[in-house]
Structures are given as C-alpha cells and as structure tokens.
N, C-alpha and C. Protein backbone atom coordinates (compact mmCIF):
# COMPACT_ATOMS: atom_id res chain seq x y z
N UNK A 1 10.75 14.64 2.27
CA UNK A 1 11.27 13.24 2.27
C UNK A 1 10.50 12.45 1.20
N UNK A 2 11.25 11.61 0.43
CA UNK A 2 10.60 10.81 -0.54
C UNK A 2 10.64 9.37 -0.09
N UNK A 3 9.50 8.82 -0.03
CA UNK A 3 9.44 7.40 0.34
C UNK A 3 9.47 6.56 -0.94
N UNK A 4 10.19 5.41 -0.90
CA UNK A 4 10.16 4.53 -2.05
C UNK A 4 9.21 3.43 -1.77
N UNK A 5 8.37 3.17 -2.66
CA UNK A 5 7.36 1.99 -2.51
C UNK A 5 7.79 0.86 -3.24
N UNK A 6 7.92 -0.28 -2.59
CA UNK A 6 8.25 -1.56 -3.15
C UNK A 6 7.31 -2.54 -2.56
N UNK A 7 7.30 -3.82 -3.07
CA UNK A 7 6.42 -4.84 -2.53
C UNK A 7 6.86 -5.19 -1.09
N UNK A 8 8.00 -4.76 -0.57
CA UNK A 8 8.47 -4.96 0.72
C UNK A 8 8.11 -3.88 1.67
N UNK A 9 7.49 -2.75 1.15
CA UNK A 9 7.08 -1.69 2.01
C UNK A 9 5.99 -2.16 2.98
N UNK A 10 6.09 -1.69 4.19
CA UNK A 10 5.10 -2.05 5.28
C UNK A 10 3.80 -1.25 5.06
N UNK A 11 2.69 -1.97 5.02
CA UNK A 11 1.43 -1.39 4.70
C UNK A 11 1.09 -0.20 5.55
N UNK A 12 1.28 -0.30 6.84
CA UNK A 12 0.96 0.76 7.78
C UNK A 12 1.81 2.05 7.48
N UNK A 13 3.05 1.82 7.10
CA UNK A 13 3.88 3.08 6.75
C UNK A 13 3.41 3.66 5.48
N UNK A 14 2.93 2.86 4.52
CA UNK A 14 2.60 3.45 3.17
C UNK A 14 1.32 4.27 3.42
N UNK A 15 0.34 3.72 4.26
CA UNK A 15 -0.89 4.45 4.52
C UNK A 15 -0.57 5.78 5.24
N UNK A 16 0.38 5.76 6.18
CA UNK A 16 0.69 7.00 6.92
C UNK A 16 1.32 8.03 6.06
N UNK A 17 2.24 7.52 5.09
CA UNK A 17 3.04 8.56 4.32
C UNK A 17 2.50 9.02 3.04
N UNK A 18 1.57 8.31 2.46
CA UNK A 18 1.05 8.66 1.11
C UNK A 18 -0.40 8.94 1.12
N UNK A 19 -0.86 10.15 0.89
CA UNK A 19 -2.20 10.56 0.81
C UNK A 19 -2.87 9.73 -0.29
N UNK A 20 -3.97 9.09 0.05
CA UNK A 20 -4.78 8.27 -0.92
C UNK A 20 -4.43 6.83 -0.96
N UNK A 21 -3.33 6.43 -0.30
CA UNK A 21 -2.85 5.06 -0.36
C UNK A 21 -3.83 4.13 0.33
N UNK A 22 -4.41 4.64 1.42
CA UNK A 22 -5.42 3.90 2.19
C UNK A 22 -6.59 3.35 1.28
N UNK A 23 -7.01 4.24 0.34
CA UNK A 23 -8.09 3.83 -0.59
C UNK A 23 -7.60 2.77 -1.54
N UNK A 24 -6.39 2.80 -1.96
CA UNK A 24 -5.78 1.76 -2.86
C UNK A 24 -5.76 0.46 -2.01
N UNK A 25 -5.19 0.46 -0.90
CA UNK A 25 -5.10 -0.76 0.01
C UNK A 25 -6.55 -1.31 0.21
N UNK A 26 -7.43 -0.48 0.57
CA UNK A 26 -8.86 -0.95 0.76
C UNK A 26 -9.46 -1.53 -0.51
N UNK A 27 -9.18 -0.98 -1.63
CA UNK A 27 -9.69 -1.45 -2.89
C UNK A 27 -9.29 -2.93 -3.19
N UNK A 28 -8.02 -3.18 -2.80
CA UNK A 28 -7.51 -4.58 -3.12
C UNK A 28 -7.69 -5.51 -1.90
N UNK A 29 -7.54 -5.03 -0.68
CA UNK A 29 -7.48 -5.90 0.49
C UNK A 29 -8.77 -5.85 1.27
N UNK A 30 -9.64 -4.86 1.05
CA UNK A 30 -10.77 -4.66 1.86
C UNK A 30 -10.42 -3.88 3.10
N UNK A 31 -11.42 -3.53 3.93
CA UNK A 31 -11.10 -2.65 5.11
C UNK A 31 -10.65 -3.39 6.27
N UNK A 32 -10.60 -4.69 6.21
CA UNK A 32 -10.13 -5.42 7.39
C UNK A 32 -8.68 -5.18 7.81
N UNK A 33 -7.83 -4.69 6.90
CA UNK A 33 -6.47 -4.40 7.11
C UNK A 33 -6.35 -3.31 8.25
N UNK A 34 -7.28 -2.44 8.30
CA UNK A 34 -7.18 -1.24 9.13
C UNK A 34 -7.43 -1.51 10.57
N UNK A 35 -8.02 -2.71 10.87
CA UNK A 35 -8.16 -3.08 12.26
C UNK A 35 -7.25 -4.28 12.62
N UNK A 36 -6.41 -4.65 11.69
CA UNK A 36 -5.45 -5.79 11.97
C UNK A 36 -4.18 -5.13 12.55
N UNK A 37 -3.72 -5.75 13.64
CA UNK A 37 -2.40 -5.22 14.21
C UNK A 37 -1.19 -5.49 13.25
N UNK A 38 -1.37 -6.47 12.39
CA UNK A 38 -0.30 -6.83 11.49
C UNK A 38 0.03 -5.74 10.41
N UNK A 39 -0.85 -4.75 10.39
CA UNK A 39 -0.65 -3.73 9.38
C UNK A 39 0.72 -2.98 9.56
N UNK A 40 1.23 -3.05 10.82
CA UNK A 40 2.44 -2.39 11.11
C UNK A 40 3.69 -3.21 10.94
N UNK A 41 3.48 -4.46 10.59
CA UNK A 41 4.62 -5.33 10.29
C UNK A 41 4.62 -6.07 8.98
N UNK A 42 3.40 -6.11 8.46
CA UNK A 42 3.19 -6.88 7.19
C UNK A 42 3.54 -5.97 5.93
N UNK A 43 4.21 -6.61 4.96
CA UNK A 43 4.53 -5.89 3.73
C UNK A 43 3.37 -5.99 2.69
N UNK A 44 3.48 -5.14 1.70
CA UNK A 44 2.41 -5.22 0.60
C UNK A 44 2.47 -6.66 -0.05
N UNK A 45 3.69 -7.16 -0.14
CA UNK A 45 3.79 -8.52 -0.76
C UNK A 45 3.11 -9.63 0.17
N UNK A 46 3.20 -9.41 1.33
CA UNK A 46 2.55 -10.37 2.33
C UNK A 46 1.01 -10.28 2.18
N UNK A 47 0.53 -9.08 2.22
CA UNK A 47 -0.90 -8.77 2.07
C UNK A 47 -1.40 -9.27 0.70
N UNK A 48 -0.65 -9.07 -0.34
CA UNK A 48 -1.00 -9.51 -1.68
C UNK A 48 -1.11 -11.02 -1.74
N UNK A 49 -0.16 -11.74 -1.06
CA UNK A 49 -0.14 -13.18 -1.06
C UNK A 49 -1.40 -13.67 -0.31
N UNK A 50 -1.78 -13.03 0.80
CA UNK A 50 -2.91 -13.41 1.57
C UNK A 50 -4.28 -13.16 0.76
N UNK A 51 -4.25 -12.29 -0.14
CA UNK A 51 -5.38 -11.96 -1.00
C UNK A 51 -5.32 -12.53 -2.37
N UNK A 52 -4.24 -13.34 -2.67
CA UNK A 52 -4.04 -13.91 -3.93
C UNK A 52 -3.97 -12.86 -5.08
N UNK A 53 -3.17 -11.88 -4.86
CA UNK A 53 -2.95 -10.76 -5.88
C UNK A 53 -1.49 -10.56 -6.15
N UNK A 54 -1.26 -9.93 -7.27
CA UNK A 54 0.16 -9.57 -7.67
C UNK A 54 0.48 -8.30 -6.87
N UNK A 55 1.57 -8.36 -6.08
CA UNK A 55 1.95 -7.15 -5.28
C UNK A 55 2.31 -5.99 -6.17
N UNK A 56 2.86 -6.26 -7.38
CA UNK A 56 3.31 -5.16 -8.22
C UNK A 56 2.13 -4.37 -8.77
N UNK A 57 0.98 -4.95 -8.85
CA UNK A 57 -0.22 -4.17 -9.26
C UNK A 57 -0.55 -3.10 -8.20
N UNK A 58 -0.40 -3.43 -6.88
CA UNK A 58 -0.59 -2.35 -5.82
C UNK A 58 0.53 -1.39 -5.86
N UNK A 59 1.70 -1.87 -5.96
CA UNK A 59 2.92 -0.98 -5.98
C UNK A 59 2.82 0.05 -7.07
N UNK A 60 2.44 -0.44 -8.28
CA UNK A 60 2.26 0.35 -9.42
C UNK A 60 1.17 1.49 -9.18
N UNK A 61 0.09 1.05 -8.61
CA UNK A 61 -0.97 2.03 -8.46
C UNK A 61 -0.63 3.11 -7.34
N UNK A 62 0.07 2.67 -6.34
CA UNK A 62 0.49 3.60 -5.30
C UNK A 62 1.53 4.58 -5.81
N UNK A 63 2.44 4.05 -6.66
CA UNK A 63 3.40 4.93 -7.28
C UNK A 63 2.74 5.95 -8.20
N UNK A 64 1.71 5.67 -8.97
CA UNK A 64 1.01 6.57 -9.80
C UNK A 64 0.34 7.65 -8.93
N UNK A 65 -0.21 7.15 -7.80
CA UNK A 65 -0.87 8.10 -6.86
C UNK A 65 0.17 9.10 -6.38
N UNK A 66 1.36 8.61 -6.00
CA UNK A 66 2.40 9.54 -5.57
C UNK A 66 2.78 10.52 -6.62
N UNK A 67 2.90 10.12 -7.89
CA UNK A 67 3.23 11.01 -8.99
C UNK A 67 2.18 12.12 -9.08
N UNK A 68 0.86 11.66 -9.04
CA UNK A 68 -0.18 12.67 -9.13
C UNK A 68 -0.21 13.61 -7.99
N UNK A 69 0.13 13.11 -6.75
CA UNK A 69 0.24 14.01 -5.56
C UNK A 69 1.36 14.97 -5.76
N UNK A 70 2.35 14.68 -6.48
CA UNK A 70 3.57 15.60 -6.67
C UNK A 70 3.36 16.50 -7.87
N UNK A 71 2.17 16.48 -8.44
CA UNK A 71 1.79 17.43 -9.47
C UNK A 71 2.42 17.04 -10.86
N UNK A 72 2.79 15.82 -11.14
CA UNK A 72 3.36 15.49 -12.36
C UNK A 72 2.33 14.82 -13.24
C-alpha cells in the first residue's frame, strides 16, 4: 500500500505508516506531539501552524524519506 503524504495528512497516521517519519516530526515539532492526544486527529498543516512552520517543508522531507525507504 502506498500512502500519499500531503499537508492534510494526519500526524499519527504518518508516524505509523512511514519508517523514520517520527524523527522528522520530532525534529520540527519536538517530542511533545507523541504524548498529545491530538496526534490522531491533527494534520501536518495544523501542527506546522502551531509551530509557525511551512507544512510543505515537512511534507517534502517525509516524501524524500519515503523515496529512500523504497530504494530509489
């Protein structure tokens, strides 16, 4: 199954589905996300807004991670 990552992707789903995504989220948002119940309903865009970041920066980094995981 291929998951598509967009700024509207739910943070918790991304972490579950993509190896290494947790480290990307932690790099930009800190480790507080992982104890927050909102992780299962909040999007990357929402988290980025809360941390004053461009969501596309995270999306791009997670997509690159996915490409690397697929051996390309």
